[in-house]
Amino acid sequence: MRGANGEDAPADVRLITPFGEKKFSALAPDKNAYQSFSTRASSVAAGTATVAAYQWRGGDPVYQRYDVSYDAIDCG
């Protein structure tokens, strides 16, 4: 999973899945955050992964959230 900071200031980014989550504090502008999450299963049901980001812009807090659907997969 990947989250990107396309803004001009650092941002706190959280990658969230049903299989775990990871927080990246003060992710620099134009940088990416990567994390893989092990399911320990031979198949995964369809679901949603979330990238959430929090940042201060001009003294105001800004929160953005992106929910992305993924298809089921069977590797068994």
PDB file of N, CA and C in Angstrom:
ATOM      1  N   MET A   1       0.850  -1.146   0.000  1.00  0.00           N
ATOM      2  CA  MET A   1       0.000   0.000   0.000  1.00  0.00           C
ATOM      3  C   MET A   1       0.909   1.226   0.000  1.00  0.00           C
ATOM      4  N   ARG A   2       0.430   2.301  -0.636  1.00  0.00           N
ATOM      5  CA  ARG A   2       1.230   3.522  -0.731  1.00  0.00           C
ATOM      6  C   ARG A   2       0.370   4.737  -0.448  1.00  0.00           C
ATOM      7  N   GLY A   3       0.912   5.654   0.330  1.00  0.00           N
ATOM      8  CA  GLY A   3       0.318   6.962   0.539  1.00  0.00           C
ATOM      9  C   GLY A   3       1.338   7.998   0.108  1.00  0.00           C
ATOM     10  N   ALA A   4       0.901   9.082  -0.476  1.00  0.00           N
ATOM     11  CA  ALA A   4       1.821  10.101  -0.983  1.00  0.00           C
ATOM     12  C   ALA A   4       1.467  11.468  -0.407  1.00  0.00           C
ATOM     13  N   ASN A   5       2.493  12.273  -0.154  1.00  0.00           N
ATOM     14  CA  ASN A   5       2.289  13.654   0.266  1.00  0.00           C
ATOM     15  C   ASN A   5       2.603  14.553  -0.922  1.00  0.00           C
ATOM     16  N   GLY A   6       1.576  15.013  -1.594  1.00  0.00           N
ATOM     17  CA  GLY A   6       1.733  15.893  -2.743  1.00  0.00           C
ATOM     18  C   GLY A   6       1.637  17.363  -2.378  1.00  0.00           C
ATOM     19  N   GLU A   7       1.648  17.665  -1.088  1.00  0.00           N
ATOM     20  CA  GLU A   7       1.537  19.051  -0.631  1.00  0.00           C
ATOM     21  C   GLU A   7       2.925  19.653  -0.420  1.00  0.00           C
ATOM     22  N   ASP A   8       2.962  20.918   0.009  1.00  0.00           N
ATOM     23  CA  ASP A   8       4.245  21.608   0.179  1.00  0.00           C
ATOM     24  C   ASP A   8       4.707  21.676   1.633  1.00  0.00           C
ATOM     25  N   ALA A   9       4.085  20.898   2.510  1.00  0.00           N
ATOM     26  CA  ALA A   9       4.469  20.847   3.924  1.00  0.00           C
ATOM     27  C   ALA A   9       4.353  19.406   4.413  1.00  0.00           C
ATOM     28  N   PRO A  10       5.070  19.050   5.475  1.00  0.00           N
ATOM     29  CA  PRO A  10       4.972  17.686   6.006  1.00  0.00           C
ATOM     30  C   PRO A  10       3.541  17.347   6.431  1.00  0.00           C
ATOM     31  N   ALA A  11       3.217  16.061   6.384  1.00  0.00           N
ATOM     32  CA  ALA A  11       1.887  15.589   6.774  1.00  0.00           C
ATOM     33  C   ALA A  11       2.023  14.279   7.539  1.00  0.00           C
ATOM     34  N   ASP A  12       1.119  14.062   8.484  1.00  0.00           N
ATOM     35  CA  ASP A  12       1.018  12.765   9.141  1.00  0.00           C
ATOM     36  C   ASP A  12       0.112  11.906   8.277  1.00  0.00           C
ATOM     37  N   VAL A  13       0.589  10.726   7.908  1.00  0.00           N
ATOM     38  CA  VAL A  13      -0.148   9.846   7.000  1.00  0.00           C
ATOM     39  C   VAL A  13      -0.382   8.508   7.684  1.00  0.00           C
ATOM     40  N   ARG A  14      -1.600   7.993   7.571  1.00  0.00           N
ATOM     41  CA  ARG A  14      -1.934   6.692   8.142  1.00  0.00           C
ATOM     42  C   ARG A  14      -2.493   5.801   7.035  1.00  0.00           C
ATOM     43  N   LEU A  15      -1.918   4.601   6.901  1.00  0.00           N
ATOM     44  CA  LEU A  15      -2.395   3.593   5.956  1.00  0.00           C
ATOM     45  C   LEU A  15      -3.180   2.566   6.765  1.00  0.00           C
ATOM     46  N   ILE A  16      -4.440   2.327   6.386  1.00  0.00           N
ATOM     47  CA  ILE A  16      -5.339   1.496   7.188  1.00  0.00           C
ATOM     48  C   ILE A  16      -5.964   0.412   6.317  1.00  0.00           C
ATOM     49  N   THR A  17      -5.862  -0.836   6.766  1.00  0.00           N
ATOM     50  CA  THR A  17      -6.504  -1.968   6.092  1.00  0.00           C
ATOM     51  C   THR A  17      -7.144  -2.852   7.155  1.00  0.00           C
ATOM     52  N   PRO A  18      -7.966  -3.816   6.744  1.00  0.00           N
ATOM     53  CA  PRO A  18      -8.493  -4.776   7.718  1.00  0.00           C
ATOM     54  C   PRO A  18      -7.388  -5.645   8.334  1.00  0.00           C
ATOM     55  N   PHE A  19      -6.191  -5.606   7.782  1.00  0.00           N
ATOM     56  CA  PHE A  19      -5.093  -6.472   8.213  1.00  0.00           C
ATOM     57  C   PHE A  19      -4.035  -5.733   9.025  1.00  0.00           C
ATOM     58  N   GLY A  20      -4.261  -4.465   9.287  1.00  0.00           N
ATOM     59  CA  GLY A  20      -3.335  -3.679  10.086  1.00  0.00           C
ATOM     60  C   GLY A  20      -3.269  -2.249   9.602  1.00  0.00           C
ATOM     61  N   GLU A  21      -2.559  -1.445  10.353  1.00  0.00           N
ATOM     62  CA  GLU A  21      -2.373  -0.048   9.957  1.00  0.00           C
ATOM     63  C   GLU A  21      -0.973   0.408  10.339  1.00  0.00           C
ATOM     64  N   LYS A  22      -0.551   1.481   9.686  1.00  0.00           N
ATOM     65  CA  LYS A  22       0.788   2.029   9.915  1.00  0.00           C
ATOM     66  C   LYS A  22       0.705   3.542   9.813  1.00  0.00           C
ATOM     67  N   LYS A  23       1.308   4.230  10.782  1.00  0.00           N
ATOM     68  CA  LYS A  23       1.332   5.691  10.783  1.00  0.00           C
ATOM     69  C   LYS A  23       2.732   6.179  10.429  1.00  0.00           C
ATOM     70  N   PHE A  24       2.785   7.188   9.588  1.00  0.00           N
ATOM     71  CA  PHE A  24       4.026   7.849   9.208  1.00  0.00           C
ATOM     72  C   PHE A  24       3.910   9.305   9.655  1.00  0.00           C
ATOM     73  N   SER A  25       4.737   9.707  10.596  1.00  0.00           N
ATOM     74  CA  SER A  25       4.689  11.073  11.123  1.00  0.00           C
ATOM     75  C   SER A  25       5.572  11.995  10.292  1.00  0.00           C
ATOM     76  N   ALA A  26       5.060  13.174  10.020  1.00  0.00           N
ATOM     77  CA  ALA A  26       5.810  14.232   9.318  1.00  0.00           C
ATOM     78  C   ALA A  26       6.414  13.748   8.002  1.00  0.00           C
ATOM     79  N   LEU A  27       5.597  13.091   7.184  1.00  0.00           N
ATOM     80  CA  LEU A  27       6.051  12.663   5.858  1.00  0.00           C
ATOM     81  C   LEU A  27       6.368  13.906   5.028  1.00  0.00           C
ATOM     82  N   ALA A  28       7.573  13.971   4.524  1.00  0.00           N
ATOM     83  CA  ALA A  28       8.041  15.156   3.796  1.00  0.00           C
ATOM     84  C   ALA A  28       7.259  15.373   2.498  1.00  0.00           C
ATOM     85  N   PRO A  29       7.199  16.625   2.029  1.00  0.00           N
ATOM     86  CA  PRO A  29       6.532  16.918   0.756  1.00  0.00           C
ATOM     87  C   PRO A  29       7.126  16.090  -0.384  1.00  0.00           C
ATOM     88  N   ASP A  30       6.265  15.656  -1.283  1.00  0.00           N
ATOM     89  CA  ASP A  30       6.646  14.877  -2.470  1.00  0.00           C
ATOM     90  C   ASP A  30       7.296  13.536  -2.137  1.00  0.00           C
ATOM     91  N   LYS A  31       7.049  13.024  -0.936  1.00  0.00           N
ATOM     92  CA  LYS A  31       7.558  11.706  -0.548  1.00  0.00           C
ATOM     93  C   LYS A  31       6.398  10.721  -0.426  1.00  0.00           C
ATOM     94  N   ASN A  32       6.730   9.441  -0.446  1.00  0.00           N
ATOM     95  CA  ASN A  32       5.738   8.373  -0.356  1.00  0.00           C
ATOM     96  C   ASN A  32       5.946   7.555   0.906  1.00  0.00           C
ATOM     97  N   ALA A  33       4.863   6.982   1.395  1.00  0.00           N
ATOM     98  CA  ALA A  33       4.899   6.047   2.515  1.00  0.00           C
ATOM     99  C   ALA A  33       4.425   4.701   1.984  1.00  0.00           C
ATOM    100  N   TYR A  34       5.189   3.651   2.241  1.00  0.00           N
ATOM    101  CA  TYR A  34       4.856   2.310   1.758  1.00  0.00           C
ATOM    102  C   TYR A  34       4.734   1.346   2.928  1.00  0.00           C
ATOM    103  N   GLN A  35       3.790   0.417   2.834  1.00  0.00           N
ATOM    104  CA  GLN A  35       3.664  -0.641   3.828  1.00  0.00           C
ATOM    105  C   GLN A  35       2.924  -1.810   3.203  1.00  0.00           C
ATOM    106  N   SER A  36       3.418  -3.015   3.433  1.00  0.00           N
ATOM    107  CA  SER A  36       2.669  -4.209   3.032  1.00  0.00           C
ATOM    108  C   SER A  36       2.096  -4.828   4.301  1.00  0.00           C
ATOM    109  N   PHE A  37       0.924  -5.423   4.181  1.00  0.00           N
ATOM    110  CA  PHE A  37       0.233  -6.031   5.310  1.00  0.00           C
ATOM    111  C   PHE A  37      -0.006  -7.501   5.002  1.00  0.00           C
ATOM    112  N   SER A  38       0.498  -8.369   5.843  1.00  0.00           N
ATOM    113  CA  SER A  38       0.322  -9.802   5.642  1.00  0.00           C
ATOM    114  C   SER A  38      -1.064 -10.231   6.111  1.00  0.00           C
ATOM    115  N   THR A  39      -1.750 -10.999   5.275  1.00  0.00           N
ATOM    116  CA  THR A  39      -3.066 -11.511   5.657  1.00  0.00           C
ATOM    117  C   THR A  39      -2.955 -12.879   6.304  1.00  0.00           C
ATOM    118  N   ARG A  40      -1.867 -13.588   6.027  1.00  0.00           N
ATOM    119  CA  ARG A  40      -1.660 -14.957   6.500  1.00  0.00           C
ATOM    120  C   ARG A  40      -2.814 -15.867   6.073  1.00  0.00           C
ATOM    121  N   ALA A  41      -3.362 -15.566   4.905  1.00  0.00           N
ATOM    122  CA  ALA A  41      -4.486 -16.341   4.373  1.00  0.00           C
ATOM    123  C   ALA A  41      -4.252 -16.626   2.895  1.00  0.00           C
ATOM    124  N   SER A  42      -4.871 -17.688   2.389  1.00  0.00           N
ATOM    125  CA  SER A  42      -4.731 -18.015   0.966  1.00  0.00           C
ATOM    126  C   SER A  42      -5.760 -17.288   0.110  1.00  0.00           C
ATOM    127  N   SER A  43      -6.718 -16.632   0.754  1.00  0.00           N
ATOM    128  CA  SER A  43      -7.688 -15.824   0.013  1.00  0.00           C
ATOM    129  C   SER A  43      -8.072 -14.619   0.864  1.00  0.00           C
ATOM    130  N   VAL A  44      -8.468 -13.562   0.170  1.00  0.00           N
ATOM    131  CA  VAL A  44      -8.867 -12.324   0.831  1.00  0.00           C
ATOM    132  C   VAL A  44     -10.158 -11.855   0.187  1.00  0.00           C
ATOM    133  N   ALA A  45     -11.144 -11.531   1.006  1.00  0.00           N
ATOM    134  CA  ALA A  45     -12.412 -11.002   0.499  1.00  0.00           C
ATOM    135  C   ALA A  45     -12.221  -9.563   0.017  1.00  0.00           C
ATOM    136  N   ALA A  46     -13.087  -9.129  -0.861  1.00  0.00           N
ATOM    137  CA  ALA A  46     -13.061  -7.737  -1.307  1.00  0.00           C
ATOM    138  C   ALA A  46     -13.224  -6.829  -0.092  1.00  0.00           C
ATOM    139  N   GLY A  47     -12.654  -5.653  -0.171  1.00  0.00           N
ATOM    140  CA  GLY A  47     -12.743  -4.742   0.963  1.00  0.00           C
ATOM    141  C   GLY A  47     -12.306  -3.343   0.601  1.00  0.00           C
ATOM    142  N   THR A  48     -11.948  -2.590   1.631  1.00  0.00           N
ATOM    143  CA  THR A  48     -11.550  -1.201   1.461  1.00  0.00           C
ATOM    144  C   THR A  48     -10.282  -0.919   2.258  1.00  0.00           C
ATOM    145  N   ALA A  49      -9.371  -0.198   1.652  1.00  0.00           N
ATOM    146  CA  ALA A  49      -8.176   0.306   2.324  1.00  0.00           C
ATOM    147  C   ALA A  49      -8.290   1.828   2.377  1.00  0.00           C
ATOM    148  N   THR A  50      -7.711   2.421   3.404  1.00  0.00           N
ATOM    149  CA  THR A  50      -7.840   3.862   3.609  1.00  0.00           C
ATOM    150  C   THR A  50      -6.473   4.517   3.759  1.00  0.00           C
ATOM    151  N   VAL A  51      -6.325   5.667   3.120  1.00  0.00           N
ATOM    152  CA  VAL A  51      -5.178   6.541   3.353  1.00  0.00           C
ATOM    153  C   VAL A  51      -5.748   7.808   3.983  1.00  0.00           C
ATOM    154  N   ALA A  52      -5.277   8.122   5.190  1.00  0.00           N
ATOM    155  CA  ALA A  52      -5.742   9.315   5.891  1.00  0.00           C
ATOM    156  C   ALA A  52      -4.538  10.210   6.162  1.00  0.00           C
ATOM    157  N   ALA A  53      -4.717  11.519   6.002  1.00  0.00           N
ATOM    158  CA  ALA A  53      -3.610  12.453   6.210  1.00  0.00           C
ATOM    159  C   ALA A  53      -4.088  13.671   6.991  1.00  0.00           C
ATOM    160  N   TYR A  54      -3.195  14.176   7.841  1.00  0.00           N
ATOM    161  CA  TYR A  54      -3.474  15.348   8.661  1.00  0.00           C
ATOM    162  C   TYR A  54      -2.304  16.311   8.516  1.00  0.00           C
ATOM    163  N   GLN A  55      -2.648  17.586   8.326  1.00  0.00           N
ATOM    164  CA  GLN A  55      -1.606  18.581   8.066  1.00  0.00           C
ATOM    165  C   GLN A  55      -2.102  19.954   8.509  1.00  0.00           C
ATOM    166  N   TRP A  56      -1.161  20.820   8.869  1.00  0.00           N
ATOM    167  CA  TRP A  56      -1.491  22.220   9.155  1.00  0.00           C
ATOM    168  C   TRP A  56      -1.178  23.051   7.919  1.00  0.00           C
ATOM    169  N   ARG A  57      -2.164  23.841   7.484  1.00  0.00           N
ATOM    170  CA  ARG A  57      -1.976  24.746   6.336  1.00  0.00           C
ATOM    171  C   ARG A  57      -2.440  26.138   6.733  1.00  0.00           C
ATOM    172  N   GLY A  58      -1.525  27.084   6.720  1.00  0.00           N
ATOM    173  CA  GLY A  58      -1.890  28.460   7.072  1.00  0.00           C
ATOM    174  C   GLY A  58      -2.461  28.576   8.472  1.00  0.00           C
ATOM    175  N   GLY A  59      -1.995  27.732   9.390  1.00  0.00           N
ATOM    176  CA  GLY A  59      -2.483  27.763  10.764  1.00  0.00           C
ATOM    177  C   GLY A  59      -3.766  26.990  10.988  1.00  0.00           C
ATOM    178  N   ASP A  60      -4.319  26.402   9.937  1.00  0.00           N
ATOM    179  CA  ASP A  60      -5.563  25.641  10.060  1.00  0.00           C
ATOM    180  C   ASP A  60      -5.298  24.148   9.863  1.00  0.00           C
ATOM    181  N   PRO A  61      -5.939  23.302  10.679  1.00  0.00           N
ATOM    182  CA  PRO A  61      -5.779  21.861  10.485  1.00  0.00           C
ATOM    183  C   PRO A  61      -6.571  21.385   9.269  1.00  0.00           C
ATOM    184  N   VAL A  62      -5.974  20.485   8.505  1.00  0.00           N
ATOM    185  CA  VAL A  62      -6.633  19.923   7.319  1.00  0.00           C
ATOM    186  C   VAL A  62      -6.543  18.403   7.406  1.00  0.00           C
ATOM    187  N   TYR A  63      -7.683  17.738   7.241  1.00  0.00           N
ATOM    188  CA  TYR A  63      -7.739  16.279   7.277  1.00  0.00           C
ATOM    189  C   TYR A  63      -8.281  15.800   5.939  1.00  0.00           C
ATOM    190  N   GLN A  64      -7.593  14.850   5.332  1.00  0.00           N
ATOM    191  CA  GLN A  64      -8.065  14.257   4.076  1.00  0.00           C
ATOM    192  C   GLN A  64      -8.084  12.747   4.239  1.00  0.00           C
ATOM    193  N   ARG A  65      -9.087  12.118   3.646  1.00  0.00           N
ATOM    194  CA  ARG A  65      -9.234  10.670   3.739  1.00  0.00           C
ATOM    195  C   ARG A  65      -9.629  10.135   2.369  1.00  0.00           C
ATOM    196  N   TYR A  66      -8.958   9.064   1.971  1.00  0.00           N
ATOM    197  CA  TYR A  66      -9.251   8.412   0.698  1.00  0.00           C
ATOM    198  C   TYR A  66      -9.521   6.939   0.976  1.00  0.00           C
ATOM    199  N   ASP A  67     -10.716   6.485   0.640  1.00  0.00           N
ATOM    200  CA  ASP A  67     -11.089   5.080   0.780  1.00  0.00           C
ATOM    201  C   ASP A  67     -11.034   4.440  -0.600  1.00  0.00           C
ATOM    202  N   VAL A  68     -10.277   3.354  -0.709  1.00  0.00           N
ATOM    203  CA  VAL A  68     -10.069   2.693  -1.996  1.00  0.00           C
ATOM    204  C   VAL A  68     -10.508   1.240  -1.887  1.00  0.00           C
ATOM    205  N   SER A  69     -11.403   0.834  -2.775  1.00  0.00           N
ATOM    206  CA  SER A  69     -11.876  -0.552  -2.787  1.00  0.00           C
ATOM    207  C   SER A  69     -10.869  -1.452  -3.488  1.00  0.00           C
ATOM    208  N   TYR A  70     -10.791  -2.696  -3.023  1.00  0.00           N
ATOM    209  CA  TYR A  70      -9.964  -3.692  -3.707  1.00  0.00           C
ATOM    210  C   TYR A  70     -10.781  -4.967  -3.898  1.00  0.00           C
ATOM    211  N   ASP A  71     -10.440  -5.714  -4.945  1.00  0.00           N
ATOM    212  CA  ASP A  71     -11.153  -6.940  -5.291  1.00  0.00           C
ATOM    213  C   ASP A  71     -10.696  -8.109  -4.433  1.00  0.00           C
ATOM    214  N   ALA A  72     -11.548  -9.113  -4.347  1.00  0.00           N
ATOM    215  CA  ALA A  72     -11.187 -10.362  -3.677  1.00  0.00           C
ATOM    216  C   ALA A  72     -10.127 -11.085  -4.506  1.00  0.00           C
ATOM    217  N   ILE A  73      -9.328 -11.901  -3.827  1.00  0.00           N
ATOM    218  CA  ILE A  73      -8.318 -12.692  -4.521  1.00  0.00           C
ATOM    219  C   ILE A  73      -8.187 -14.044  -3.821  1.00  0.00           C
ATOM    220  N   ASP A  74      -7.987 -15.081  -4.622  1.00  0.00           N
ATOM    221  CA  ASP A  74      -7.808 -16.432  -4.093  1.00  0.00           C
ATOM    222  C   ASP A  74      -6.501 -16.988  -4.634  1.00  0.00           C
ATOM    223  N   CYS A  75      -5.559 -17.219  -3.767  1.00  0.00           N
ATOM    224  CA  CYS A  75      -4.241 -17.730  -4.165  1.00  0.00           C
ATOM    225  C   CYS A  75      -4.073 -19.195  -3.766  1.00  0.00           C
ATOM    226  N   GLY A  76      -5.154 -19.842  -3.381  1.00  0.00           N
ATOM    227  CA  GLY A  76      -5.065 -21.224  -2.888  1.00  0.00           C
ATOM    228  C   GLY A  76      -5.259 -22.200  -3.922  1.00  0.00           C
TER     229      GLY A  76
END
